Amino acid sequence: MLARPFRLTRGSDYRLVVRRGSRCGGARVVTSMLTTGESRAARFGFIISKQVGTAVVRNTVRRRLKAVCAEALSRVPEGTDVVIRALPASATASYSELSADVNRCLGRLAQVRA
């Protein structure tokens, strides 16, 4: 599970990452990444709209994405904010499919930043 210090909580932080960050899209998720340069751990935020499905489905997708990000935390540079927006196809995706999409995008965005 992703602990509170590693999560985005303010709407202004979400907007900043989505508008100014680099973006990578996949079939199931769209990942935005913004390097802030601050000396702190990476933070993750999740956007799962009602188009994804019912509340049960949305919460399942959110829990899976949090688990994927908890595993990827060590590979994301310090001071980075990441927002992951789930697309409707994520409702039927398995954990491994979501993990593959997120990890591919995080790797691609890290290369852009380097």
N, C-alpha and C. Protein backbone atom coordinates (compact mmCIF):
# COMPACT_ATOMS: atom_id res chain seq x y z
N MET A 1 0.84 -1.18 0.00
CA MET A 1 0.00 0.00 0.00
C MET A 1 0.88 1.25 0.00
N LEU A 2 0.39 2.30 -0.55
CA LEU A 2 1.13 3.55 -0.68
C LEU A 2 0.83 4.44 0.53
N ALA A 3 1.84 4.71 1.34
CA ALA A 3 1.65 5.51 2.56
C ALA A 3 1.35 6.96 2.23
N ARG A 4 0.77 7.67 3.18
CA ARG A 4 0.31 9.05 2.98
C ARG A 4 1.41 10.01 2.49
N PRO A 5 2.65 9.96 3.00
CA PRO A 5 3.66 10.90 2.50
C PRO A 5 3.98 10.75 1.01
N PHE A 6 3.58 9.63 0.44
CA PHE A 6 3.88 9.38 -0.97
C PHE A 6 2.68 9.65 -1.88
N ARG A 7 1.65 10.32 -1.37
CA ARG A 7 0.45 10.60 -2.16
C ARG A 7 0.24 12.10 -2.33
N LEU A 8 -0.26 12.48 -3.49
CA LEU A 8 -0.70 13.86 -3.71
C LEU A 8 -2.06 14.02 -3.06
N THR A 9 -2.28 15.13 -2.36
CA THR A 9 -3.54 15.32 -1.67
C THR A 9 -4.27 16.60 -2.07
N ARG A 10 -3.56 17.58 -2.60
CA ARG A 10 -4.19 18.85 -2.92
C ARG A 10 -4.52 18.93 -4.41
N GLY A 11 -5.68 19.51 -4.72
CA GLY A 11 -6.11 19.66 -6.10
C GLY A 11 -5.15 20.51 -6.91
N SER A 12 -4.55 21.50 -6.28
CA SER A 12 -3.61 22.38 -7.00
C SER A 12 -2.38 21.59 -7.44
N ASP A 13 -1.95 20.61 -6.65
CA ASP A 13 -0.81 19.78 -7.05
C ASP A 13 -1.18 18.91 -8.25
N TYR A 14 -2.39 18.36 -8.24
CA TYR A 14 -2.86 17.56 -9.38
C TYR A 14 -2.85 18.41 -10.65
N ARG A 15 -3.45 19.59 -10.58
CA ARG A 15 -3.53 20.47 -11.76
C ARG A 15 -2.15 20.82 -12.28
N LEU A 16 -1.22 21.13 -11.40
CA LEU A 16 0.13 21.50 -11.80
C LEU A 16 0.81 20.36 -12.56
N VAL A 17 0.69 19.15 -12.05
CA VAL A 17 1.33 18.00 -12.69
C VAL A 17 0.69 17.71 -14.05
N VAL A 18 -0.64 17.74 -14.12
CA VAL A 18 -1.33 17.42 -15.37
C VAL A 18 -1.07 18.49 -16.43
N ARG A 19 -1.03 19.73 -16.04
CA ARG A 19 -0.86 20.82 -17.02
C ARG A 19 0.59 21.04 -17.44
N ARG A 20 1.54 20.92 -16.51
CA ARG A 20 2.93 21.24 -16.82
C ARG A 20 3.84 20.04 -16.96
N GLY A 21 3.36 18.87 -16.56
CA GLY A 21 4.21 17.68 -16.59
C GLY A 21 4.27 17.02 -17.95
N SER A 22 5.23 16.12 -18.08
CA SER A 22 5.33 15.29 -19.28
C SER A 22 4.30 14.19 -19.21
N ARG A 23 3.80 13.77 -20.36
CA ARG A 23 2.70 12.82 -20.39
C ARG A 23 3.06 11.61 -21.24
N CYS A 24 2.58 10.46 -20.79
CA CYS A 24 2.75 9.21 -21.54
C CYS A 24 1.43 8.46 -21.48
N GLY A 25 0.91 8.09 -22.63
CA GLY A 25 -0.38 7.41 -22.67
C GLY A 25 -0.25 5.96 -23.03
N GLY A 26 -1.19 5.19 -22.53
CA GLY A 26 -1.26 3.77 -22.85
C GLY A 26 -2.70 3.40 -23.12
N ALA A 27 -2.97 2.13 -23.25
CA ALA A 27 -4.32 1.67 -23.52
C ALA A 27 -5.20 1.76 -22.28
N ARG A 28 -4.59 1.68 -21.10
CA ARG A 28 -5.38 1.64 -19.86
C ARG A 28 -5.18 2.82 -18.94
N VAL A 29 -4.03 3.50 -19.02
CA VAL A 29 -3.73 4.64 -18.15
C VAL A 29 -3.00 5.73 -18.92
N VAL A 30 -3.12 6.97 -18.42
CA VAL A 30 -2.33 8.09 -18.89
C VAL A 30 -1.53 8.58 -17.69
N THR A 31 -0.21 8.64 -17.84
CA THR A 31 0.66 9.00 -16.73
C THR A 31 1.30 10.35 -17.01
N SER A 32 1.20 11.26 -16.05
CA SER A 32 1.85 12.58 -16.12
C SER A 32 2.89 12.65 -15.02
N MET A 33 4.07 13.23 -15.35
CA MET A 33 5.16 13.31 -14.39
C MET A 33 5.76 14.70 -14.42
N LEU A 34 6.01 15.26 -13.23
CA LEU A 34 6.61 16.59 -13.10
C LEU A 34 7.69 16.52 -12.04
N THR A 35 8.91 16.94 -12.39
CA THR A 35 10.00 16.98 -11.43
C THR A 35 10.02 18.36 -10.80
N THR A 36 9.88 18.41 -9.48
CA THR A 36 9.81 19.69 -8.77
C THR A 36 11.16 20.17 -8.28
N GLY A 37 12.12 19.26 -8.12
CA GLY A 37 13.43 19.64 -7.62
C GLY A 37 13.49 19.74 -6.11
N GLU A 38 12.40 19.46 -5.43
CA GLU A 38 12.38 19.49 -3.97
C GLU A 38 13.08 18.26 -3.41
N SER A 39 13.56 18.39 -2.18
CA SER A 39 14.24 17.27 -1.53
C SER A 39 13.23 16.49 -0.69
N ARG A 40 12.48 15.63 -1.34
CA ARG A 40 11.47 14.81 -0.67
C ARG A 40 11.21 13.59 -1.54
N ALA A 41 10.49 12.65 -0.99
CA ALA A 41 10.17 11.43 -1.73
C ALA A 41 9.18 11.73 -2.85
N ALA A 42 9.13 10.86 -3.83
CA ALA A 42 8.18 11.00 -4.93
C ALA A 42 6.76 10.86 -4.39
N ARG A 43 5.82 11.56 -5.04
CA ARG A 43 4.41 11.48 -4.64
C ARG A 43 3.57 11.06 -5.84
N PHE A 44 2.51 10.31 -5.57
CA PHE A 44 1.64 9.79 -6.61
C PHE A 44 0.21 10.24 -6.35
N GLY A 45 -0.53 10.50 -7.43
CA GLY A 45 -1.94 10.81 -7.35
C GLY A 45 -2.68 10.02 -8.40
N PHE A 46 -3.97 9.77 -8.15
CA PHE A 46 -4.75 8.92 -9.04
C PHE A 46 -6.06 9.62 -9.39
N ILE A 47 -6.42 9.55 -10.68
CA ILE A 47 -7.68 10.08 -11.15
C ILE A 47 -8.44 8.93 -11.79
N ILE A 48 -9.55 8.57 -11.17
CA ILE A 48 -10.37 7.47 -11.68
C ILE A 48 -11.79 7.99 -11.79
N SER A 49 -12.24 8.29 -13.01
CA SER A 49 -13.56 8.88 -13.20
C SER A 49 -14.65 7.82 -13.21
N LYS A 50 -15.89 8.27 -13.21
CA LYS A 50 -17.03 7.36 -13.22
C LYS A 50 -17.16 6.61 -14.54
N GLN A 51 -16.45 7.05 -15.58
CA GLN A 51 -16.45 6.32 -16.84
C GLN A 51 -15.78 4.96 -16.70
N VAL A 52 -14.92 4.81 -15.69
CA VAL A 52 -14.22 3.55 -15.48
C VAL A 52 -15.20 2.47 -15.03
N GLY A 53 -16.18 2.84 -14.22
CA GLY A 53 -17.16 1.86 -13.77
C GLY A 53 -17.81 2.26 -12.47
N THR A 54 -18.43 1.29 -11.83
CA THR A 54 -19.10 1.54 -10.56
C THR A 54 -18.06 1.82 -9.47
N ALA A 55 -18.52 2.20 -8.28
CA ALA A 55 -17.62 2.52 -7.18
C ALA A 55 -16.72 1.34 -6.82
N VAL A 56 -17.28 0.15 -6.87
CA VAL A 56 -16.50 -1.05 -6.55
C VAL A 56 -15.36 -1.23 -7.55
N VAL A 57 -15.66 -1.06 -8.82
CA VAL A 57 -14.66 -1.20 -9.87
C VAL A 57 -13.60 -0.11 -9.75
N ARG A 58 -14.04 1.13 -9.54
CA ARG A 58 -13.09 2.24 -9.41
C ARG A 58 -12.15 2.04 -8.23
N ASN A 59 -12.67 1.58 -7.10
CA ASN A 59 -11.82 1.36 -5.94
C ASN A 59 -10.86 0.20 -6.15
N THR A 60 -11.29 -0.82 -6.88
CA THR A 60 -10.39 -1.92 -7.21
C THR A 60 -9.24 -1.43 -8.08
N VAL A 61 -9.55 -0.62 -9.09
CA VAL A 61 -8.52 -0.06 -9.97
C VAL A 61 -7.58 0.82 -9.15
N ARG A 62 -8.11 1.65 -8.27
CA ARG A 62 -7.28 2.53 -7.45
C ARG A 62 -6.34 1.72 -6.55
N ARG A 63 -6.84 0.68 -5.92
CA ARG A 63 -5.99 -0.15 -5.06
C ARG A 63 -4.88 -0.83 -5.86
N ARG A 64 -5.21 -1.31 -7.04
CA ARG A 64 -4.19 -1.93 -7.89
C ARG A 64 -3.12 -0.91 -8.29
N LEU A 65 -3.55 0.30 -8.67
CA LEU A 65 -2.59 1.33 -9.08
C LEU A 65 -1.71 1.74 -7.89
N LYS A 66 -2.28 1.83 -6.71
CA LYS A 66 -1.49 2.17 -5.52
C LYS A 66 -0.43 1.10 -5.26
N ALA A 67 -0.78 -0.16 -5.43
CA ALA A 67 0.17 -1.25 -5.21
C ALA A 67 1.29 -1.20 -6.25
N VAL A 68 0.94 -0.91 -7.50
CA VAL A 68 1.94 -0.79 -8.56
C VAL A 68 2.91 0.34 -8.24
N CYS A 69 2.38 1.47 -7.80
CA CYS A 69 3.23 2.63 -7.50
C CYS A 69 4.09 2.40 -6.26
N ALA A 70 3.58 1.67 -5.29
CA ALA A 70 4.39 1.34 -4.11
C ALA A 70 5.60 0.51 -4.51
N GLU A 71 5.43 -0.39 -5.47
CA GLU A 71 6.55 -1.19 -5.96
C GLU A 71 7.53 -0.35 -6.76
N ALA A 72 7.03 0.66 -7.49
CA ALA A 72 7.86 1.48 -8.37
C ALA A 72 8.49 2.67 -7.65
N LEU A 73 8.18 2.86 -6.39
CA LEU A 73 8.63 4.04 -5.65
C LEU A 73 10.14 4.21 -5.67
N SER A 74 10.88 3.14 -5.57
CA SER A 74 12.35 3.24 -5.53
C SER A 74 12.94 3.64 -6.87
N ARG A 75 12.21 3.44 -7.96
CA ARG A 75 12.72 3.77 -9.30
C ARG A 75 12.36 5.18 -9.75
N VAL A 76 11.50 5.86 -9.01
CA VAL A 76 11.09 7.22 -9.39
C VAL A 76 12.02 8.22 -8.69
N PRO A 77 12.55 9.19 -9.43
CA PRO A 77 13.50 10.15 -8.84
C PRO A 77 12.90 10.94 -7.69
N GLU A 78 13.75 11.37 -6.79
CA GLU A 78 13.34 12.16 -5.63
C GLU A 78 12.75 13.50 -6.09
N GLY A 79 11.72 13.96 -5.42
CA GLY A 79 11.11 15.25 -5.74
C GLY A 79 10.21 15.22 -6.96
N THR A 80 9.75 14.07 -7.36
CA THR A 80 8.91 13.92 -8.55
C THR A 80 7.45 13.71 -8.14
N ASP A 81 6.55 14.36 -8.87
CA ASP A 81 5.12 14.14 -8.68
C ASP A 81 4.58 13.41 -9.90
N VAL A 82 3.76 12.39 -9.66
CA VAL A 82 3.21 11.56 -10.73
C VAL A 82 1.70 11.49 -10.55
N VAL A 83 0.95 11.74 -11.64
CA VAL A 83 -0.50 11.58 -11.62
C VAL A 83 -0.85 10.53 -12.66
N ILE A 84 -1.62 9.53 -12.24
CA ILE A 84 -2.05 8.45 -13.13
C ILE A 84 -3.55 8.54 -13.29
N ARG A 85 -3.98 8.72 -14.54
CA ARG A 85 -5.42 8.78 -14.85
C ARG A 85 -5.83 7.47 -15.49
N ALA A 86 -6.78 6.80 -14.86
CA ALA A 86 -7.26 5.51 -15.37
C ALA A 86 -8.27 5.73 -16.48
N LEU A 87 -8.11 4.98 -17.55
CA LEU A 87 -9.05 5.02 -18.67
C LEU A 87 -10.07 3.89 -18.50
N PRO A 88 -11.20 3.95 -19.19
CA PRO A 88 -12.23 2.91 -19.03
C PRO A 88 -11.72 1.48 -19.22
N ALA A 89 -10.71 1.28 -20.06
CA ALA A 89 -10.17 -0.07 -20.29
C ALA A 89 -9.49 -0.64 -19.05
N SER A 90 -9.15 0.22 -18.10
CA SER A 90 -8.49 -0.27 -16.88
C SER A 90 -9.43 -1.09 -16.01
N ALA A 91 -10.73 -0.94 -16.21
CA ALA A 91 -11.71 -1.66 -15.40
C ALA A 91 -11.60 -3.17 -15.59
N THR A 92 -11.26 -3.60 -16.80
CA THR A 92 -11.18 -5.03 -17.09
C THR A 92 -9.74 -5.55 -17.12
N ALA A 93 -8.79 -4.67 -16.84
CA ALA A 93 -7.37 -5.05 -16.89
C ALA A 93 -6.96 -5.79 -15.63
N SER A 94 -6.04 -6.71 -15.80
CA SER A 94 -5.50 -7.43 -14.65
C SER A 94 -4.41 -6.57 -13.99
N TYR A 95 -3.98 -7.01 -12.82
CA TYR A 95 -2.92 -6.29 -12.11
C TYR A 95 -1.65 -6.22 -12.95
N SER A 96 -1.30 -7.32 -13.59
CA SER A 96 -0.07 -7.36 -14.38
C SER A 96 -0.14 -6.44 -15.59
N GLU A 97 -1.32 -6.31 -16.20
CA GLU A 97 -1.48 -5.41 -17.34
C GLU A 97 -1.34 -3.95 -16.89
N LEU A 98 -1.97 -3.60 -15.76
CA LEU A 98 -1.84 -2.24 -15.23
C LEU A 98 -0.39 -1.96 -14.86
N SER A 99 0.26 -2.93 -14.23
CA SER A 99 1.65 -2.77 -13.84
C SER A 99 2.55 -2.54 -15.05
N ALA A 100 2.32 -3.30 -16.11
CA ALA A 100 3.13 -3.15 -17.32
C ALA A 100 2.94 -1.76 -17.93
N ASP A 101 1.70 -1.27 -17.99
CA ASP A 101 1.44 0.06 -18.56
C ASP A 101 2.09 1.16 -17.73
N VAL A 102 1.92 1.09 -16.42
CA VAL A 102 2.47 2.14 -15.55
C VAL A 102 3.99 2.11 -15.58
N ASN A 103 4.59 0.95 -15.47
CA ASN A 103 6.06 0.86 -15.47
C ASN A 103 6.66 1.29 -16.81
N ARG A 104 5.98 0.98 -17.91
CA ARG A 104 6.47 1.43 -19.21
C ARG A 104 6.47 2.95 -19.29
N CYS A 105 5.38 3.55 -18.83
CA CYS A 105 5.28 5.02 -18.87
C CYS A 105 6.27 5.67 -17.91
N LEU A 106 6.43 5.12 -16.71
CA LEU A 106 7.40 5.70 -15.77
C LEU A 106 8.81 5.62 -16.32
N GLY A 107 9.15 4.52 -16.95
CA GLY A 107 10.47 4.39 -17.58
C GLY A 107 10.67 5.36 -18.71
N ARG A 108 9.66 5.51 -19.53
CA ARG A 108 9.74 6.43 -20.67
C ARG A 108 9.86 7.88 -20.20
N LEU A 109 9.06 8.25 -19.20
CA LEU A 109 9.10 9.62 -18.69
C LEU A 109 10.40 9.92 -17.95
N ALA A 110 10.97 8.93 -17.29
CA ALA A 110 12.27 9.12 -16.62
C ALA A 110 13.37 9.38 -17.64
N GLN A 111 13.28 8.74 -18.80
CA GLN A 111 14.26 8.98 -19.87
C GLN A 111 14.14 10.39 -20.42
N VAL A 112 12.90 10.88 -20.52
CA VAL A 112 12.66 12.24 -21.03
C VAL A 112 13.28 13.25 -20.07
N ARG A 113 13.16 13.00 -18.79
CA ARG A 113 13.66 13.91 -17.75
C ARG A 113 15.18 13.88 -17.65
N ALA A 114 15.80 12.75 -18.04
CA ALA A 114 17.26 12.61 -17.88
C ALA A 114 18.04 13.41 -18.89
